[in-house]
Amino acid sequence: MKRTFSGKIREKEEQGMDTVIDRLSDIEKVAGSVMDDAGVRKKALAKEMEEKTAAFDQELERKTAERISQIQEQMEREMQEELDKQASDAKAAIARLEETYEKHHKAYAQTLFQNMIKE
């Protein structure tokens, strides 16, 4: 069978088309592999971000609880100091009243008695 020139051209065109199709198929396979790898990487990054977020949340919760505890302790100390000061002030006021009473109770009683008998 003799091949004609146009037959050879057609054969070359078919071979060229087959080569193009093969290359396109290879490119599609590589693209699919790249997409699969990207999907795997995306899942890994999402898991990593989830873990980092959970760790951040835990650390933030720990720091918040620690700060709340510090504030509570400080408030309790301040409240106790205020209560101690009020108790001290009250004792001092009572002592002054008792001292005044001891010094002047006879005069107070005499004045009261005098006011009662005047009427």
Protein backbone atom coordinates (compact mmCIF):
# COMPACT_ATOMS: atom_id res chain seq x y z
CA MET A 1 0.00 0.00 0.00
CA LYS A 2 1.41 3.22 -1.12
CA ARG A 3 0.98 6.24 0.96
CA THR A 4 0.27 9.43 -0.69
CA PHE A 5 1.62 12.76 0.39
CA SER A 6 -1.77 13.84 1.72
CA GLY A 7 -2.04 10.55 3.59
CA LYS A 8 1.28 11.20 5.25
CA ILE A 9 0.15 14.69 6.23
CA ARG A 10 -3.06 13.29 7.61
CA GLU A 11 -1.10 10.69 9.55
CA LYS A 12 1.19 13.40 10.91
CA GLU A 13 -1.83 15.51 11.86
CA GLU A 14 -3.38 12.55 13.65
CA GLN A 15 -0.11 11.90 15.46
CA GLY A 16 0.07 15.60 16.37
CA MET A 17 -3.51 15.51 17.63
CA ASP A 18 -2.76 12.37 19.61
CA THR A 19 0.27 14.10 21.11
CA VAL A 20 -1.84 17.15 21.99
CA ILE A 21 -4.53 14.95 23.50
CA ASP A 22 -1.91 12.97 25.46
CA ARG A 23 -0.36 16.23 26.72
CA LEU A 24 -3.78 17.57 27.67
CA SER A 25 -4.51 14.33 29.50
CA ASP A 26 -1.16 14.58 31.34
CA ILE A 27 -1.90 18.21 32.23
CA GLU A 28 -5.34 17.23 33.51
CA LYS A 29 -3.82 14.47 35.66
CA VAL A 30 -1.24 16.87 37.07
CA ALA A 31 -3.94 19.48 37.71
CA GLY A 32 -6.05 16.86 39.49
CA SER A 33 -3.07 15.87 41.60
CA VAL A 34 -2.36 19.52 42.43
CA MET A 35 -6.01 20.03 43.41
CA ASP A 36 -5.95 16.89 45.58
CA ASP A 37 -2.76 18.09 47.27
CA ALA A 38 -4.31 21.52 47.78
CA GLY A 39 -7.37 19.90 49.37
CA VAL A 40 -5.20 17.86 51.73
CA ARG A 41 -3.16 20.97 52.59
CA LYS A 42 -6.31 22.99 53.13
CA LYS A 43 -7.63 20.37 55.56
CA ALA A 44 -4.29 20.31 57.39
CA LEU A 45 -4.26 24.12 57.64
CA ALA A 46 -7.86 24.13 58.86
CA LYS A 47 -6.99 21.57 61.54
CA GLU A 48 -3.92 23.58 62.55
CA MET A 49 -5.98 26.77 62.80
CA GLU A 50 -8.60 24.93 64.85
CA GLU A 51 -5.91 23.68 67.24
CA LYS A 52 -4.33 27.15 67.50
CA THR A 53 -7.74 28.70 68.13
CA ALA A 54 -8.51 26.14 70.84
CA ALA A 55 -5.10 26.75 72.45
CA PHE A 56 -5.65 30.52 72.28
CA ASP A 57 -9.10 30.17 73.82
CA GLN A 58 -7.74 28.00 76.63
CA GLU A 59 -4.90 30.43 77.33
CA LEU A 60 -7.27 33.39 77.25
CA GLU A 61 -9.66 31.60 79.61
CA ARG A 62 -6.77 30.77 81.98
CA LYS A 63 -5.49 34.37 81.95
CA THR A 64 -9.01 35.72 82.46
CA ALA A 65 -9.64 33.42 85.42
CA GLU A 66 -6.26 34.37 86.88
CA ARG A 67 -6.99 38.09 86.48
CA ILE A 68 -10.47 37.71 88.00
CA SER A 69 -8.91 35.88 90.94
CA GLN A 70 -6.35 38.67 91.41
CA ILE A 71 -9.05 41.33 91.29
CA GLN A 72 -11.19 39.40 93.81
CA GLU A 73 -8.25 39.03 96.16
CA GLN A 74 -7.43 42.72 95.85
CA MET A 75 -11.05 43.70 96.49
CA GLU A 76 -11.21 41.41 99.52
CA ARG A 77 -7.99 42.93 100.92
CA GLU A 78 -9.30 46.46 100.34
CA MET A 79 -12.66 45.58 101.90
CA GLN A 80 -10.94 44.04 104.92
CA GLU A 81 -8.74 47.12 105.28
CA GLU A 82 -11.82 49.35 105.13
CA LEU A 83 -13.64 47.19 107.70
CA ASP A 84 -10.59 47.25 109.98
CA LYS A 85 -10.40 51.05 109.66
CA GLN A 86 -14.11 51.43 110.41
CA ALA A 87 -13.80 49.14 113.43
CA SER A 88 -10.79 51.12 114.66
CA ASP A 89 -12.61 54.42 114.13
CA ALA A 90 -15.66 53.08 115.95
CA LYS A 91 -13.54 51.89 118.91
CA ALA A 92 -11.84 55.28 119.07
CA ALA A 93 -15.21 57.09 119.01
CA ILE A 94 -16.55 54.81 121.78
CA ALA A 95 -13.40 55.41 123.84
CA ARG A 96 -13.82 59.20 123.45
CA LEU A 97 -17.48 58.96 124.45
CA GLU A 98 -16.61 56.83 127.48
CA GLU A 99 -13.85 59.24 128.47
CA THR A 100 -16.18 62.21 128.13
CA TYR A 101 -18.82 60.37 130.15
CA GLU A 102 -16.33 59.50 132.88
CA LYS A 103 -15.13 63.11 133.11
CA HIS A 104 -18.53 64.77 132.96
CA HIS A 105 -21.19 62.27 134.04
CA LYS A 106 -21.71 63.93 137.40
CA ALA A 107 -22.21 67.32 135.75
CA TYR A 108 -24.59 65.79 133.19
CA ALA A 109 -26.59 64.12 135.93
CA GLN A 110 -26.69 67.31 138.01
CA THR A 111 -27.83 69.37 134.99
CA LEU A 112 -30.49 66.83 134.12
CA PHE A 113 -31.69 66.71 137.72
CA GLN A 114 -31.85 70.49 137.91
CA ASN A 115 -33.86 70.65 134.69
CA MET A 116 -36.29 68.04 135.98
CA ILE A 117 -36.98 69.78 139.30
CA LYS A 118 -37.37 73.26 137.78
CA GLU A 119 -40.55 72.43 136.08
